[in-house]
Amino acid sequence: MNFTHLYIIRNFDHRLITGAKRCFSEIEFLKCSTRINDNVLAGLIEICKLIKELELIIPMNHNNYGIIRLIEIPKKLTTVHFRYRENLPLPHLQILNGDYVSINVITSLIENTSGSLTKIKYIDMDYESLKLLFENWKGRHPMLLQIKLSLDFKDLIEKYKIS
């Protein structure tokens, strides 16, 4: 029997399942925590090469940053969902793509980086949201900000432009 969806619980170990490679080789959807054990992660990376959709649950601490390999390996991966708690610390985050995400989520992510964020891409932002974003960015190093501009935004951008 081959499975197409896999929801991993905290203490899951694929090695306990006879024929795991065969059963999980056609997984198209995977949901797991970023607290995943290194051995389980290595097994999933080896087995699950056809993942199209990945949902990651990101707890406050004890994250396994090797999870990035699970995003990089599958050739058919088109969608990654993140479920996380507020105030998630992401000290090494450099690029933030926040298409159609609440400005409050974007602001929280910005506040919880340690100055390593250099590029933000955000779509669907109104004037007040952009102002809030800039207010939270004050005092940080220069960044590349990619925005589809409207005339209303030009004055706001000039106000916060680094000279």
C-alpha atoms as a PDB file:
ATOM      1  CA  MET A   1       0.000   0.000   0.000  1.00  0.00           C
ATOM      2  CA  ASN A   2       1.340   3.431  -0.978  1.00  0.00           C
ATOM      3  CA  PHE A   3       0.333   6.563   0.900  1.00  0.00           C
ATOM      4  CA  THR A   4      -0.042  10.043  -0.593  1.00  0.00           C
ATOM      5  CA  HIS A   5      -0.499  12.022   2.640  1.00  0.00           C
ATOM      6  CA  LEU A   6       1.564  11.780   5.800  1.00  0.00           C
ATOM      7  CA  TYR A   7       0.918  13.600   9.076  1.00  0.00           C
ATOM      8  CA  ILE A   8       3.844  13.054  11.427  1.00  0.00           C
ATOM      9  CA  ILE A   9       3.300  13.048  15.154  1.00  0.00           C
ATOM     10  CA  ARG A  10       6.005  14.098  17.562  1.00  0.00           C
ATOM     11  CA  ASN A  11       7.631  10.702  18.216  1.00  0.00           C
ATOM     12  CA  PHE A  12       7.180   9.175  14.763  1.00  0.00           C
ATOM     13  CA  ASP A  13       9.910   6.827  13.552  1.00  0.00           C
ATOM     14  CA  HIS A  14       9.506   5.560   9.986  1.00  0.00           C
ATOM     15  CA  ARG A  15      12.056   2.784  10.638  1.00  0.00           C
ATOM     16  CA  LEU A  16       9.444   1.010  12.764  1.00  0.00           C
ATOM     17  CA  ILE A  17       7.231   0.528   9.710  1.00  0.00           C
ATOM     18  CA  THR A  18       8.126  -2.459   7.550  1.00  0.00           C
ATOM     19  CA  GLY A  19       8.488  -1.329   3.946  1.00  0.00           C
ATOM     20  CA  ALA A  20       8.497   2.388   4.825  1.00  0.00           C
ATOM     21  CA  LYS A  21      10.463   3.271   1.680  1.00  0.00           C
ATOM     22  CA  ARG A  22       7.848   1.631  -0.518  1.00  0.00           C
ATOM     23  CA  CYS A  23       4.863   2.952   1.473  1.00  0.00           C
ATOM     24  CA  PHE A  24       6.041   6.566   1.646  1.00  0.00           C
ATOM     25  CA  SER A  25       7.776   6.901  -1.737  1.00  0.00           C
ATOM     26  CA  GLU A  26       4.679   8.496  -3.297  1.00  0.00           C
ATOM     27  CA  ILE A  27       3.906  10.990  -0.515  1.00  0.00           C
ATOM     28  CA  GLU A  28       2.542  14.202  -2.058  1.00  0.00           C
ATOM     29  CA  PHE A  29       1.547  15.985   1.170  1.00  0.00           C
ATOM     30  CA  LEU A  30       3.590  16.024   4.363  1.00  0.00           C
ATOM     31  CA  LYS A  31       2.761  17.755   7.642  1.00  0.00           C
ATOM     32  CA  CYS A  32       5.344  17.741  10.419  1.00  0.00           C
ATOM     33  CA  SER A  33       6.899  19.800  13.178  1.00  0.00           C
ATOM     34  CA  THR A  34      10.272  21.480  12.809  1.00  0.00           C
ATOM     35  CA  ARG A  35      11.194  19.690  16.050  1.00  0.00           C
ATOM     36  CA  ILE A  36      11.580  16.528  13.995  1.00  0.00           C
ATOM     37  CA  ASN A  37      14.332  14.101  14.975  1.00  0.00           C
ATOM     38  CA  ASP A  38      17.477  14.143  12.760  1.00  0.00           C
ATOM     39  CA  ASN A  39      17.171  10.434  11.906  1.00  0.00           C
ATOM     40  CA  VAL A  40      13.513  10.768  10.922  1.00  0.00           C
ATOM     41  CA  LEU A  41      14.297  13.898   8.897  1.00  0.00           C
ATOM     42  CA  ALA A  42      17.127  12.124   7.057  1.00  0.00           C
ATOM     43  CA  GLY A  43      14.790   9.227   6.248  1.00  0.00           C
ATOM     44  CA  LEU A  44      12.059  11.532   4.955  1.00  0.00           C
ATOM     45  CA  ILE A  45      14.526  13.420   2.771  1.00  0.00           C
ATOM     46  CA  GLU A  46      15.671  10.123   1.265  1.00  0.00           C
ATOM     47  CA  ILE A  47      12.177   8.661   0.800  1.00  0.00           C
ATOM     48  CA  CYS A  48       9.815  11.564   0.041  1.00  0.00           C
ATOM     49  CA  LYS A  49      11.057  13.014  -3.226  1.00  0.00           C
ATOM     50  CA  LEU A  50       7.605  13.581  -4.777  1.00  0.00           C
ATOM     51  CA  ILE A  51       6.220  15.997  -2.161  1.00  0.00           C
ATOM     52  CA  LYS A  52       4.054  18.698  -3.747  1.00  0.00           C
ATOM     53  CA  GLU A  53       2.824  20.308  -0.542  1.00  0.00           C
ATOM     54  CA  LEU A  54       4.561  20.667   2.809  1.00  0.00           C
ATOM     55  CA  GLU A  55       3.028  22.009   6.017  1.00  0.00           C
ATOM     56  CA  LEU A  56       5.463  22.866   8.791  1.00  0.00           C
ATOM     57  CA  ILE A  57       4.478  23.484  12.382  1.00  0.00           C
ATOM     58  CA  ILE A  58       7.062  25.782  13.932  1.00  0.00           C
ATOM     59  CA  PRO A  59       7.160  25.731  17.736  1.00  0.00           C
ATOM     60  CA  MET A  60       8.850  28.388  19.860  1.00  0.00           C
ATOM     61  CA  ASN A  61      12.117  26.509  20.434  1.00  0.00           C
ATOM     62  CA  HIS A  62      14.109  23.354  19.754  1.00  0.00           C
ATOM     63  CA  ASN A  63      13.679  23.606  15.989  1.00  0.00           C
ATOM     64  CA  ASN A  64      15.666  21.398  13.632  1.00  0.00           C
ATOM     65  CA  TYR A  65      17.020  23.795  11.015  1.00  0.00           C
ATOM     66  CA  GLY A  66      17.886  20.826   8.798  1.00  0.00           C
ATOM     67  CA  ILE A  67      14.206  20.944   7.810  1.00  0.00           C
ATOM     68  CA  ILE A  68      15.338  23.298   5.031  1.00  0.00           C
ATOM     69  CA  ARG A  69      16.680  20.249   3.180  1.00  0.00           C
ATOM     70  CA  LEU A  70      13.132  18.881   3.111  1.00  0.00           C
ATOM     71  CA  ILE A  71      12.113  22.043   1.249  1.00  0.00           C
ATOM     72  CA  GLU A  72      15.085  21.975  -1.144  1.00  0.00           C
ATOM     73  CA  ILE A  73      15.066  18.297  -2.202  1.00  0.00           C
ATOM     74  CA  PRO A  74      11.589  17.561  -3.688  1.00  0.00           C
ATOM     75  CA  LYS A  75      11.471  18.591  -7.344  1.00  0.00           C
ATOM     76  CA  LYS A  76       7.665  18.857  -7.418  1.00  0.00           C
ATOM     77  CA  LEU A  77       7.250  20.953  -4.250  1.00  0.00           C
ATOM     78  CA  THR A  78       4.998  23.903  -5.070  1.00  0.00           C
ATOM     79  CA  THR A  79       3.466  24.895  -1.738  1.00  0.00           C
ATOM     80  CA  VAL A  80       4.891  25.331   1.746  1.00  0.00           C
ATOM     81  CA  HIS A  81       2.624  26.331   4.628  1.00  0.00           C
ATOM     82  CA  PHE A  82       4.001  27.554   7.933  1.00  0.00           C
ATOM     83  CA  ARG A  83       2.037  27.283  11.159  1.00  0.00           C
ATOM     84  CA  TYR A  84       3.743  29.025  14.010  1.00  0.00           C
ATOM     85  CA  ARG A  85       3.245  30.740  17.293  1.00  0.00           C
ATOM     86  CA  GLU A  86       3.518  34.476  17.751  1.00  0.00           C
ATOM     87  CA  ASN A  87       6.935  35.839  18.637  1.00  0.00           C
ATOM     88  CA  LEU A  88       8.665  33.047  16.770  1.00  0.00           C
ATOM     89  CA  PRO A  89      12.417  33.740  16.992  1.00  0.00           C
ATOM     90  CA  LEU A  90      14.063  33.583  13.571  1.00  0.00           C
ATOM     91  CA  PRO A  91      17.490  35.089  14.266  1.00  0.00           C
ATOM     92  CA  HIS A  92      19.014  34.023  10.933  1.00  0.00           C
ATOM     93  CA  LEU A  93      16.133  34.939   8.618  1.00  0.00           C
ATOM     94  CA  GLN A  94      17.526  36.901   5.652  1.00  0.00           C
ATOM     95  CA  ILE A  95      14.745  36.953   3.053  1.00  0.00           C
ATOM     96  CA  LEU A  96      11.056  37.241   3.879  1.00  0.00           C
ATOM     97  CA  ASN A  97       8.450  36.581   1.180  1.00  0.00           C
ATOM     98  CA  GLY A  98       5.102  37.433   2.690  1.00  0.00           C
ATOM     99  CA  ASP A  99       2.636  37.325  -0.160  1.00  0.00           C
ATOM    100  CA  TYR A 100      -0.930  37.723   1.104  1.00  0.00           C
ATOM    101  CA  VAL A 101       0.028  37.313   4.757  1.00  0.00           C
ATOM    102  CA  SER A 102      -1.327  39.550   7.502  1.00  0.00           C
ATOM    103  CA  ILE A 103       0.825  42.612   8.175  1.00  0.00           C
ATOM    104  CA  ASN A 104       0.735  41.634  11.854  1.00  0.00           C
ATOM    105  CA  VAL A 105       2.445  38.344  10.991  1.00  0.00           C
ATOM    106  CA  ILE A 106       5.054  40.163   8.877  1.00  0.00           C
ATOM    107  CA  THR A 107       5.649  42.687  11.672  1.00  0.00           C
ATOM    108  CA  SER A 108       6.063  39.912  14.239  1.00  0.00           C
ATOM    109  CA  LEU A 109       8.579  38.122  12.010  1.00  0.00           C
ATOM    110  CA  ILE A 110      10.563  41.336  11.483  1.00  0.00           C
ATOM    111  CA  GLU A 111      10.621  42.065  15.217  1.00  0.00           C
ATOM    112  CA  ASN A 112      11.987  38.587  15.912  1.00  0.00           C
ATOM    113  CA  THR A 113      14.957  38.655  13.572  1.00  0.00           C
ATOM    114  CA  SER A 114      18.346  39.640  14.936  1.00  0.00           C
ATOM    115  CA  GLY A 115      19.186  42.172  12.259  1.00  0.00           C
ATOM    116  CA  SER A 116      19.922  39.571   9.588  1.00  0.00           C
ATOM    117  CA  LEU A 117      16.827  40.343   7.471  1.00  0.00           C
ATOM    118  CA  THR A 118      17.940  42.096   4.272  1.00  0.00           C
ATOM    119  CA  LYS A 119      15.070  41.600   1.836  1.00  0.00           C
ATOM    120  CA  ILE A 120      11.302  41.760   2.234  1.00  0.00           C
ATOM    121  CA  LYS A 121       8.831  40.972  -0.516  1.00  0.00           C
ATOM    122  CA  TYR A 122       5.224  41.683   0.322  1.00  0.00           C
ATOM    123  CA  ILE A 123       2.126  41.841  -1.874  1.00  0.00           C
ATOM    124  CA  ASP A 124      -1.264  43.285  -1.021  1.00  0.00           C
ATOM    125  CA  MET A 125      -0.199  46.028   1.373  1.00  0.00           C
ATOM    126  CA  ASP A 126      -2.157  49.177   2.118  1.00  0.00           C
ATOM    127  CA  TYR A 127      -0.726  52.532   3.214  1.00  0.00           C
ATOM    128  CA  GLU A 128      -1.194  51.990   6.973  1.00  0.00           C
ATOM    129  CA  SER A 129       0.335  48.523   6.797  1.00  0.00           C
ATOM    130  CA  LEU A 130       3.384  49.853   4.959  1.00  0.00           C
ATOM    131  CA  LYS A 131       3.750  52.606   7.556  1.00  0.00           C
ATOM    132  CA  LEU A 132       3.623  49.999  10.350  1.00  0.00           C
ATOM    133  CA  LEU A 133       6.243  47.919   8.536  1.00  0.00           C
ATOM    134  CA  PHE A 134       8.589  50.905   8.230  1.00  0.00           C
ATOM    135  CA  GLU A 135       8.078  51.894  11.874  1.00  0.00           C
ATOM    136  CA  ASN A 136       9.167  48.410  12.934  1.00  0.00           C
ATOM    137  CA  TRP A 137      12.176  48.517  10.620  1.00  0.00           C
ATOM    138  CA  LYS A 138      13.616  51.804  11.995  1.00  0.00           C
ATOM    139  CA  GLY A 139      17.165  51.484  13.272  1.00  0.00           C
ATOM    140  CA  ARG A 140      17.956  48.293  11.378  1.00  0.00           C
ATOM    141  CA  HIS A 141      20.454  47.972   8.561  1.00  0.00           C
ATOM    142  CA  PRO A 142      19.538  48.769   4.939  1.00  0.00           C
ATOM    143  CA  MET A 143      17.415  46.285   3.073  1.00  0.00           C
ATOM    144  CA  LEU A 144      15.978  45.638  -0.324  1.00  0.00           C
ATOM    145  CA  LEU A 145      12.268  46.381  -0.153  1.00  0.00           C
ATOM    146  CA  GLN A 146      10.262  45.134  -3.100  1.00  0.00           C
ATOM    147  CA  ILE A 147       6.874  46.851  -3.373  1.00  0.00           C
ATOM    148  CA  LYS A 148       4.447  47.535  -6.164  1.00  0.00           C
ATOM    149  CA  LEU A 149       4.208  51.296  -5.764  1.00  0.00           C
ATOM    150  CA  SER A 150       1.187  53.476  -5.930  1.00  0.00           C
ATOM    151  CA  LEU A 151       1.329  57.261  -5.836  1.00  0.00           C
ATOM    152  CA  ASP A 152       0.207  57.318  -2.186  1.00  0.00           C
ATOM    153  CA  PHE A 153       3.266  55.342  -1.106  1.00  0.00           C
ATOM    154  CA  LYS A 154       5.946  57.587  -2.644  1.00  0.00           C
ATOM    155  CA  ASP A 155       5.946  60.158   0.195  1.00  0.00           C
ATOM    156  CA  LEU A 156       6.009  57.452   2.852  1.00  0.00           C
ATOM    157  CA  ILE A 157       8.930  55.682   1.187  1.00  0.00           C
ATOM    158  CA  GLU A 158      10.870  58.945   0.881  1.00  0.00           C
ATOM    159  CA  LYS A 159      10.328  59.610   4.607  1.00  0.00           C
ATOM    160  CA  TYR A 160      11.962  56.311   5.591  1.00  0.00           C
ATOM    161  CA  LYS A 161      14.571  56.180   2.838  1.00  0.00           C
ATOM    162  CA  ILE A 162      18.117  55.695   4.083  1.00  0.00           C
ATOM    163  CA  SER A 163      20.295  58.529   2.901  1.00  0.00           C
END
